[in-house]
Amino acid sequence: MGREFREFLVKQNALALAVGVIIGAALGRVVSSLVADVLMPIISLGMPRGDWRASKIILSQTVGPDGKEVINSINYGTLLGTIVDFVVVAFVVFLVVRQFMKPAAAAPTKVCTFCLETVPAEAKKCRACTSTL
């Protein structure tokens, strides 16, 4: 049973997927910390109140039965903060993927002199007009 499980992990690339998920989660936490601890304080300097993630539109305020104030509000600052986090994380993932996944070089081709069809460089006959190249 242990051998079958090990073969499954190797054949199905499940281990590589698990490692990718773990590294991705760790990268997400690092980028979220970068956004929250480095970028947002800089952005907050330009805001009139500073803590823009706490921005909200208050719809109603009442006093609950226990004497505490109950505020019904739309927390748009939290939404904007989450959107900024997502954009920064997506951009960092894009940069990492672009760095490690280079596009494959295009196969060499040539043009048939009779029909102008593009064919592989090693082709002996044109696939469109069947002329000898």
Protein backbone atom coordinates (compact mmCIF):
# COMPACT_ATOMS: atom_id res chain seq x y z
CA MET A 1 0.00 0.00 0.00
CA GLY A 2 2.84 2.40 0.83
CA ARG A 3 4.57 1.61 -2.47
CA GLU A 4 1.34 2.23 -4.42
CA PHE A 5 0.87 5.57 -2.70
CA ARG A 6 4.47 6.58 -3.49
CA GLU A 7 3.98 5.58 -7.15
CA PHE A 8 0.77 7.63 -7.25
CA LEU A 9 2.59 10.67 -5.91
CA VAL A 10 5.35 10.33 -8.48
CA LYS A 11 3.17 9.45 -11.49
CA GLN A 12 0.44 12.00 -10.93
CA ASN A 13 2.77 14.86 -9.94
CA ALA A 14 0.68 15.25 -6.80
CA LEU A 15 3.79 15.95 -4.75
CA ALA A 16 4.85 18.76 -7.10
CA LEU A 17 1.34 20.21 -6.91
CA ALA A 18 1.36 20.07 -3.12
CA VAL A 19 4.74 21.80 -2.97
CA GLY A 20 3.46 24.46 -5.40
CA VAL A 21 0.39 25.11 -3.26
CA ILE A 22 2.48 25.43 -0.09
CA ILE A 23 4.98 27.77 -1.73
CA GLY A 24 2.14 29.77 -3.27
CA ALA A 25 0.46 30.20 0.10
CA ALA A 26 3.72 31.30 1.68
CA LEU A 27 4.36 33.75 -1.16
CA GLY A 28 0.84 35.13 -0.72
CA ARG A 29 1.49 35.78 2.97
CA VAL A 30 4.81 37.49 2.21
CA VAL A 31 3.22 39.73 -0.43
CA SER A 32 0.24 40.52 1.83
CA SER A 33 2.67 41.54 4.56
CA LEU A 34 4.58 43.68 2.05
CA VAL A 35 1.35 45.39 1.07
CA ALA A 36 0.07 45.86 4.64
CA ASP A 37 3.36 46.83 6.28
CA VAL A 38 5.23 48.72 3.54
CA LEU A 39 2.93 49.98 0.79
CA MET A 40 -0.19 50.85 2.76
CA PRO A 41 1.54 53.17 5.28
CA ILE A 42 3.00 55.09 2.33
CA ILE A 43 -0.41 55.25 0.62
CA SER A 44 -2.03 56.30 3.93
CA LEU A 45 0.19 59.40 4.07
CA GLY A 46 -1.74 60.80 1.10
CA MET A 47 -5.13 60.08 2.67
CA PRO A 48 -6.77 62.76 4.79
CA ARG A 49 -7.55 60.44 7.73
CA GLY A 50 -4.61 58.07 7.38
CA ASP A 51 -6.27 54.72 8.16
CA TRP A 52 -8.19 54.31 4.93
CA ARG A 53 -8.86 50.60 5.48
CA ALA A 54 -11.24 51.60 8.28
CA SER A 55 -13.24 53.89 5.96
CA LYS A 56 -16.95 53.19 5.94
CA ILE A 57 -20.33 54.65 5.16
CA ILE A 58 -22.50 54.56 8.27
CA LEU A 59 -26.08 53.62 7.44
CA SER A 60 -27.49 53.65 10.97
CA GLN A 61 -26.41 53.82 14.60
CA THR A 62 -28.44 52.37 17.42
CA VAL A 63 -27.91 51.32 21.00
CA GLY A 64 -28.30 47.60 21.61
CA PRO A 65 -30.13 46.02 24.57
CA ASP A 66 -26.80 45.59 26.35
CA GLY A 67 -26.04 49.34 26.11
CA LYS A 68 -23.36 49.00 23.43
CA GLU A 69 -23.50 51.07 20.27
CA VAL A 70 -24.44 49.05 17.15
CA ILE A 71 -23.24 50.52 13.86
CA ASN A 72 -24.68 49.32 10.56
CA SER A 73 -22.19 50.36 7.86
CA ILE A 74 -20.70 49.60 4.46
CA ASN A 75 -16.98 48.99 4.98
CA TYR A 76 -15.61 50.10 1.62
CA GLY A 77 -12.09 50.60 3.02
CA THR A 78 -11.79 46.90 3.75
CA LEU A 79 -12.96 46.08 0.22
CA LEU A 80 -10.48 48.49 -1.35
CA GLY A 81 -7.68 47.07 0.81
CA THR A 82 -8.52 43.54 -0.28
CA ILE A 83 -8.56 44.62 -3.93
CA VAL A 84 -5.14 46.27 -3.57
CA ASP A 85 -3.81 43.11 -1.88
CA PHE A 86 -5.14 40.99 -4.75
CA VAL A 87 -3.66 43.22 -7.45
CA VAL A 88 -0.23 43.23 -5.82
CA VAL A 89 -0.27 39.45 -5.22
CA ALA A 90 -1.42 38.82 -8.82
CA PHE A 91 1.33 41.10 -10.17
CA VAL A 92 4.02 39.33 -8.12
CA VAL A 93 2.75 35.91 -9.26
CA PHE A 94 2.82 37.19 -12.86
CA LEU A 95 6.44 38.29 -12.44
CA VAL A 96 7.46 34.96 -10.90
CA VAL A 97 5.70 32.92 -13.60
CA ARG A 98 7.13 35.10 -16.37
CA GLN A 99 10.63 34.63 -14.95
CA PHE A 100 10.46 30.85 -14.69
CA MET A 101 8.29 29.95 -17.68
CA LYS A 102 10.01 31.21 -20.79
CA PRO A 103 8.15 30.54 -24.07
CA ALA A 104 9.54 27.74 -26.20
CA ALA A 105 11.48 28.76 -29.27
CA ALA A 106 9.49 28.52 -32.49
CA ALA A 107 10.39 25.66 -34.81
CA PRO A 108 12.40 26.78 -37.85
CA THR A 109 10.28 27.21 -40.97
CA LYS A 110 10.63 28.13 -44.61
CA VAL A 111 8.24 29.33 -47.29
CA CYS A 112 7.29 27.24 -50.32
CA THR A 113 8.39 29.13 -53.45
CA PHE A 114 5.36 27.91 -55.43
CA CYS A 115 2.35 28.48 -53.12
CA LEU A 116 3.95 30.61 -50.36
CA GLU A 117 2.80 28.15 -47.65
CA THR A 118 4.90 28.12 -44.46
CA VAL A 119 6.35 24.65 -43.88
CA PRO A 120 8.89 23.16 -41.44
CA ALA A 121 12.52 23.73 -42.41
CA GLU A 122 13.21 19.99 -42.78
CA ALA A 123 10.25 19.40 -45.12
CA LYS A 124 11.07 17.83 -48.50
CA LYS A 125 7.60 18.47 -50.01
CA CYS A 126 5.07 21.23 -49.46
CA ARG A 127 1.99 20.04 -47.59
CA ALA A 128 -0.27 22.39 -49.57
CA CYS A 129 0.85 22.03 -53.19
CA THR A 130 3.04 18.89 -52.85
CA SER A 131 5.86 20.47 -54.81
CA THR A 132 9.43 19.41 -54.05
CA LEU A 133 11.25 21.95 -51.93
